[in-house]
N, C-alpha and C. Protein backbone atom coordinates (compact mmCIF):
# COMPACT_ATOMS: atom_id res chain seq x y z
N MET A 1 0.78 -1.45 -0.06
CA MET A 1 -0.17 0.33 0.28
C MET A 1 1.07 1.35 -0.23
N GLN A 2 2.20 1.22 0.41
CA GLN A 2 2.41 2.28 0.41
C GLN A 2 3.19 2.79 -1.01
N GLY A 3 2.86 1.95 -2.15
CA GLY A 3 3.08 2.57 -3.15
C GLY A 3 2.19 3.18 -4.23
N PHE A 4 0.83 1.87 -3.82
CA PHE A 4 -0.09 1.23 -4.38
C PHE A 4 -0.74 3.04 -4.58
N VAL A 5 -1.38 3.58 -3.28
CA VAL A 5 -1.95 4.70 -2.99
C VAL A 5 -1.18 5.80 -3.51
N PRO A 6 -0.30 5.72 -3.20
CA PRO A 6 0.50 7.14 -3.57
C PRO A 6 0.78 7.21 -5.62
N MET A 7 0.65 6.39 -6.08
CA MET A 7 1.17 5.94 -7.38
C MET A 7 -0.56 7.05 -7.74
N LEU A 8 -1.58 6.47 -6.78
CA LEU A 8 -3.23 6.46 -7.85
C LEU A 8 -2.97 8.35 -7.76
N ALA A 9 -2.45 8.76 -6.56
CA ALA A 9 -2.38 10.10 -6.00
C ALA A 9 -1.93 10.98 -7.19
N ALA A 10 -0.80 10.71 -7.12
CA ALA A 10 0.64 10.93 -7.82
C ALA A 10 0.02 11.25 -9.46
N CYS A 11 -0.84 9.61 -10.08
CA CYS A 11 -1.30 10.07 -11.77
C CYS A 11 -2.48 11.13 -11.09
N GLU A 12 -3.48 11.10 -10.32
CA GLU A 12 -4.64 12.01 -10.36
C GLU A 12 -3.81 13.42 -10.46
N ILE A 13 -3.00 13.22 -9.57
CA ILE A 13 -2.68 15.20 -9.65
C ILE A 13 -1.85 15.77 -11.02
N LEU A 14 -1.08 14.48 -11.17
CA LEU A 14 -0.27 15.25 -12.91
C LEU A 14 -1.62 15.14 -13.78
N LEU A 15 -2.43 14.51 -13.41
CA LEU A 15 -3.15 14.14 -15.03
C LEU A 15 -4.11 15.41 -14.83
N ARG A 16 -5.05 15.45 -13.26
CA ARG A 16 -5.48 16.86 -13.50
C ARG A 16 -5.55 17.84 -14.01
N GLY A 17 -4.34 18.50 -12.92
CA GLY A 17 -3.73 19.91 -13.37
C GLY A 17 -3.41 19.63 -14.75
N ALA A 18 -2.98 18.62 -15.95
CA ALA A 18 -2.32 19.31 -17.45
C ALA A 18 -1.15 19.06 -17.18
N TYR A 19 -0.64 19.05 -16.23
CA TYR A 19 1.14 18.88 -15.78
C TYR A 19 1.83 18.57 -16.90
N VAL A 20 1.70 16.90 -17.44
CA VAL A 20 2.50 15.73 -18.34
C VAL A 20 1.59 15.50 -19.51
N ARG A 21 1.93 15.15 -20.30
CA ARG A 21 1.18 14.74 -21.58
C ARG A 21 1.96 13.60 -21.84
N GLY A 22 1.69 12.40 -21.99
CA GLY A 22 1.83 11.15 -22.43
C GLY A 22 1.82 10.58 -21.35
N ALA A 23 1.81 8.84 -21.92
CA ALA A 23 1.42 7.70 -20.82
C ALA A 23 3.05 7.98 -20.07
N LYS A 24 3.76 7.71 -21.00
CA LYS A 24 5.06 7.05 -21.04
C LYS A 24 6.09 8.26 -20.07
N MET A 25 5.58 9.62 -19.60
CA MET A 25 5.93 10.13 -19.08
C MET A 25 5.48 10.50 -17.66
N LEU A 26 4.04 10.44 -17.99
CA LEU A 26 3.17 10.17 -16.38
C LEU A 26 3.59 9.51 -15.45
N ALA A 27 3.61 7.97 -16.03
CA ALA A 27 4.19 6.65 -15.05
C ALA A 27 5.64 7.15 -14.24
N PHE A 28 6.15 7.52 -15.54
CA PHE A 28 7.95 7.90 -15.13
C PHE A 28 7.86 9.31 -14.04
N LEU A 29 7.37 10.13 -14.02
CA LEU A 29 7.17 11.29 -12.99
C LEU A 29 6.80 10.81 -11.96
N ALA A 30 5.54 9.74 -11.80
CA ALA A 30 4.33 9.17 -11.09
C ALA A 30 5.29 7.93 -9.89
N LEU A 31 6.69 7.54 -11.09
CA LEU A 31 6.58 6.17 -10.12
C LEU A 31 8.32 7.02 -9.49
N CYS A 32 8.46 8.19 -10.00
CA CYS A 32 9.68 8.88 -9.19
C CYS A 32 8.70 9.52 -7.64
N VAL A 33 7.53 9.92 -8.01
CA VAL A 33 7.21 11.06 -6.67
C VAL A 33 6.55 9.14 -5.53
N VAL A 34 6.18 8.63 -6.52
CA VAL A 34 6.29 6.96 -5.59
C VAL A 34 7.89 7.18 -4.70
N MET A 35 8.43 6.90 -5.43
CA MET A 35 9.76 6.44 -4.60
C MET A 35 10.11 7.46 -3.75
N ALA A 36 10.05 8.99 -4.05
CA ALA A 36 10.42 9.83 -3.61
C ALA A 36 9.68 9.97 -1.81
N ILE A 37 9.35 9.40 -1.81
CA ILE A 37 7.78 9.49 -0.59
C ILE A 37 8.38 8.31 0.02
N SER A 38 8.66 7.29 -0.39
CA SER A 38 8.86 5.53 0.14
C SER A 38 10.54 6.50 0.63
N ALA A 39 11.50 7.00 -0.18
CA ALA A 39 12.69 7.67 0.48
C ALA A 39 12.40 8.65 1.36
N THR A 40 11.96 9.25 1.16
CA THR A 40 11.57 10.21 2.81
C THR A 40 10.95 9.63 3.92
N TYR A 41 10.37 8.56 3.89
CA TYR A 41 9.71 7.79 5.13
C TYR A 41 10.92 6.53 5.05
N GLU A 42 11.83 6.95 5.32
CA GLU A 42 13.24 5.44 4.97
C GLU A 42 14.13 6.43 5.52
N LEU A 43 14.07 7.86 5.85
CA LEU A 43 15.09 8.90 6.64
C LEU A 43 14.62 9.36 7.29
N ILE A 44 13.22 9.31 7.33
CA ILE A 44 12.52 9.45 9.04
C ILE A 44 12.57 8.65 9.76
N GLU A 45 12.12 7.27 9.40
CA GLU A 45 12.83 6.33 10.40
C GLU A 45 14.37 6.02 10.76
N TRP A 46 15.68 6.72 9.63
CA TRP A 46 16.49 6.79 10.08
C TRP A 46 16.58 7.66 11.07
N ALA A 47 16.09 9.01 11.00
CA ALA A 47 16.50 9.44 12.01
C ALA A 47 15.91 9.72 13.49
N ALA A 48 15.06 8.43 13.52
CA ALA A 48 14.21 8.50 14.37
C ALA A 48 14.47 7.21 15.23
N ALA A 49 15.88 6.12 14.28
CA ALA A 49 16.70 5.44 14.84
C ALA A 49 17.87 6.23 15.78
N VAL A 50 18.52 7.40 14.61
CA VAL A 50 19.36 7.84 15.49
C VAL A 50 18.62 8.33 16.58
N LEU A 51 17.92 9.33 16.59
CA LEU A 51 17.75 9.75 18.33
C LEU A 51 16.91 8.73 19.20
N LEU A 52 16.88 7.39 19.04
CA LEU A 52 16.16 6.47 19.98
C LEU A 52 17.33 6.08 20.61
N GLY A 53 18.29 5.94 19.86
CA GLY A 53 19.95 4.84 19.72
C GLY A 53 19.09 3.72 20.49
N GLN A 54 19.22 2.85 21.75
CA GLN A 54 19.35 1.54 21.77
C GLN A 54 17.40 1.07 21.35
N GLY A 55 16.98 2.09 21.94
CA GLY A 55 14.56 1.17 21.64
C GLY A 55 15.07 1.17 19.92
N ALA A 56 15.05 2.01 18.96
CA ALA A 56 15.30 2.02 17.56
C ALA A 56 14.27 0.30 17.33
N ASP A 57 15.19 -0.31 17.16
CA ASP A 57 14.76 -1.35 17.00
C ASP A 57 13.61 -1.56 17.27
N ASP A 58 12.92 -1.74 18.69
CA ASP A 58 11.60 -2.00 19.02
C ASP A 58 10.35 -0.63 18.12
N PHE A 59 11.18 0.56 18.48
CA PHE A 59 10.14 1.54 17.80
C PHE A 59 10.10 0.91 16.18
N LEU A 60 10.66 0.88 15.71
CA LEU A 60 10.87 0.36 13.90
C LEU A 60 10.09 -0.60 13.53
N GLY A 61 10.67 -1.76 14.47
CA GLY A 61 10.03 -2.88 13.95
C GLY A 61 10.14 -3.89 13.14
N THR A 62 12.13 -3.37 12.70
CA THR A 62 12.81 -4.50 11.99
C THR A 62 13.12 -5.53 12.41
N GLN A 63 13.04 -6.06 13.78
CA GLN A 63 13.20 -7.45 13.81
C GLN A 63 14.95 -7.52 13.24
N GLY A 64 15.54 -6.98 13.72
CA GLY A 64 16.90 -7.39 13.16
C GLY A 64 17.60 -8.21 11.70
N ASP A 65 16.66 -6.81 10.64
CA ASP A 65 16.18 -7.38 9.20
C ASP A 65 17.56 -6.05 8.79
N PRO A 66 18.90 -5.92 8.38
CA PRO A 66 19.63 -5.36 7.93
C PRO A 66 19.54 -5.04 6.73
N TRP A 67 17.97 -5.58 6.21
CA TRP A 67 18.16 -5.21 4.43
C TRP A 67 16.16 -4.30 4.70
N ASP A 68 16.08 -3.87 5.69
CA ASP A 68 14.58 -3.30 5.86
C ASP A 68 14.25 -2.37 4.82
N THR A 69 15.57 -1.42 4.65
CA THR A 69 14.89 -0.31 4.35
C THR A 69 14.99 -0.13 3.23
N GLN A 70 15.78 -1.19 1.93
CA GLN A 70 15.66 -1.80 0.66
C GLN A 70 14.62 -2.33 0.63
N SER A 71 14.08 -3.39 0.97
CA SER A 71 12.78 -4.18 0.36
C SER A 71 11.71 -3.03 1.62
N ASP A 72 11.31 -2.58 2.06
CA ASP A 72 9.91 -1.36 1.79
C ASP A 72 10.33 -0.53 0.85
N MET A 73 11.43 0.21 0.29
CA MET A 73 11.73 0.50 -0.86
C MET A 73 11.36 -0.42 -2.40
N ALA A 74 11.88 -1.15 -2.03
CA ALA A 74 11.57 -1.97 -3.44
C ALA A 74 10.23 -2.53 -3.04
N PHE A 75 9.49 -2.87 -2.13
CA PHE A 75 7.86 -3.15 -2.12
C PHE A 75 7.04 -1.89 -2.49
N ALA A 76 7.10 -0.31 -2.16
CA ALA A 76 6.93 0.78 -2.98
C ALA A 76 6.97 0.83 -4.19
N GLY A 77 8.06 0.66 -4.70
CA GLY A 77 7.99 0.84 -6.03
C GLY A 77 7.48 -0.32 -6.39
N LEU A 78 7.50 -1.67 -6.28
CA LEU A 78 6.22 -2.47 -6.76
C LEU A 78 5.17 -2.57 -6.57
N GLY A 79 4.80 -2.05 -5.58
CA GLY A 79 3.58 -1.00 -5.27
C GLY A 79 2.40 -0.48 -6.53
N GLY A 80 4.01 0.03 -6.78
CA GLY A 80 3.11 1.40 -7.52
C GLY A 80 2.96 0.84 -9.06
N GLY A 81 3.82 0.37 -9.36
CA GLY A 81 3.87 -0.37 -10.22
C GLY A 81 2.87 -1.21 -11.01
N VAL A 82 2.09 -1.63 -9.50
CA VAL A 82 1.06 -2.63 -9.91
C VAL A 82 -0.10 -1.77 -10.21
N ALA A 83 -0.27 -0.45 -9.13
CA ALA A 83 -0.93 0.25 -9.83
C ALA A 83 -1.03 0.77 -10.90
N LEU A 84 -0.40 1.43 -11.35
CA LEU A 84 0.06 1.56 -12.68
C LEU A 84 -0.38 0.67 -13.76
N LEU A 85 -0.18 -0.70 -13.63
CA LEU A 85 -0.89 -1.71 -14.66
C LEU A 85 -2.25 -1.76 -14.64
N LEU A 86 -2.60 -2.06 -12.91
CA LEU A 86 -3.99 -2.14 -12.69
C LEU A 86 -5.21 -1.19 -13.13
N CYS A 87 -4.72 -0.15 -12.67
CA CYS A 87 -5.65 0.91 -12.44
C CYS A 87 -5.32 2.14 -13.85
N SER A 88 -4.76 2.24 -14.62
CA SER A 88 -4.17 3.73 -14.87
C SER A 88 -4.65 4.47 -16.51
N ARG A 89 -5.63 2.90 -17.10
CA ARG A 89 -6.38 3.45 -17.95
C ARG A 89 -8.39 3.77 -17.35
N LEU A 90 -8.41 2.88 -16.20
CA LEU A 90 -9.12 3.11 -15.15
C LEU A 90 -9.40 4.58 -14.79
N GLN A 91 -8.03 5.10 -14.26
CA GLN A 91 -8.16 6.37 -14.16
C GLN A 91 -8.01 7.04 -15.01
N GLU A 92 -7.88 7.29 -15.85
CA GLU A 92 -6.96 8.04 -16.70
C GLU A 92 -8.84 8.56 -17.60
N TRP A 93 -9.54 7.07 -18.23
CA TRP A 93 -10.75 7.27 -17.97
C TRP A 93 -11.91 7.83 -17.09
N GLN A 94 -11.75 8.10 -16.14
CA GLN A 94 -12.81 8.71 -15.20
C GLN A 94 -12.58 9.82 -15.54
N ILE A 95 -11.32 10.29 -15.45
CA ILE A 95 -10.57 11.82 -15.74
C ILE A 95 -11.61 12.50 -16.98
N ALA A 96 -10.80 11.60 -17.74
CA ALA A 96 -11.23 12.38 -19.31
C ALA A 96 -13.01 12.54 -18.31
N HIS A 97 -14.11 11.72 -17.76
CA HIS A 97 -15.04 11.69 -17.86
C HIS A 97 -15.76 12.86 -16.66
N LEU A 98 -15.12 13.61 -16.10
CA LEU A 98 -15.37 14.00 -15.49
C LEU A 98 -16.30 15.22 -15.25
N PRO A 99 -17.26 15.68 -15.45
CA PRO A 99 -17.97 17.22 -15.87
C PRO A 99 -16.95 18.57 -15.23
N ALA A 100 -18.15 19.53 -16.37
CA ALA A 100 -16.58 20.67 -17.00
C ALA A 100 -16.99 21.06 -15.08
N PRO A 101 -15.97 21.87 -15.21
CA PRO A 101 -16.01 22.47 -13.67
C PRO A 101 -16.71 23.47 -13.66
N ASN A 102 -17.71 24.07 -13.01
CA ASN A 102 -18.90 25.28 -12.72
C ASN A 102 -17.57 26.05 -13.09
N THR A 103 -18.30 27.18 -13.38
CA THR A 103 -17.76 28.71 -14.25
C THR A 103 -18.14 30.04 -12.47
N VAL A 104 -17.27 30.35 -12.35
CA VAL A 104 -18.37 31.45 -11.63
C VAL A 104 -18.66 32.25 -12.03
N ASN A 105 -19.42 33.41 -11.96
CA ASN A 105 -20.06 34.20 -12.35
C ASN A 105 -19.25 35.43 -12.11
N THR A 106 -18.68 36.56 -11.77
CA THR A 106 -18.19 37.21 -11.78
C THR A 106 -18.76 39.04 -11.83
N ARG A 107 -19.99 39.12 -12.40
CA ARG A 107 -20.65 40.24 -12.37
C ARG A 107 -20.88 41.29 -11.24
């Protein structure tokens, strides 16, 4: 879920804001956002480990896994890729069929 949900949100923002043209660039940038969110979370975990010292393993729940950070980021990338494969066409179709925004009369 760490990659799946941010992928949907990133695609939504990039599509609705018309910031990106082309499916390949959208996929690339959205995956970059997913990985940036994951990396930021891992940096927060690292900072907590430094600040908590010995209690970091209990707080972070790594259970002594030295590859916890790498596996978390890999699974975030995998979740983002799965979201892209499963939901991108439906999401694009739904955005294309949104009603036009109401215009405000400023008289």
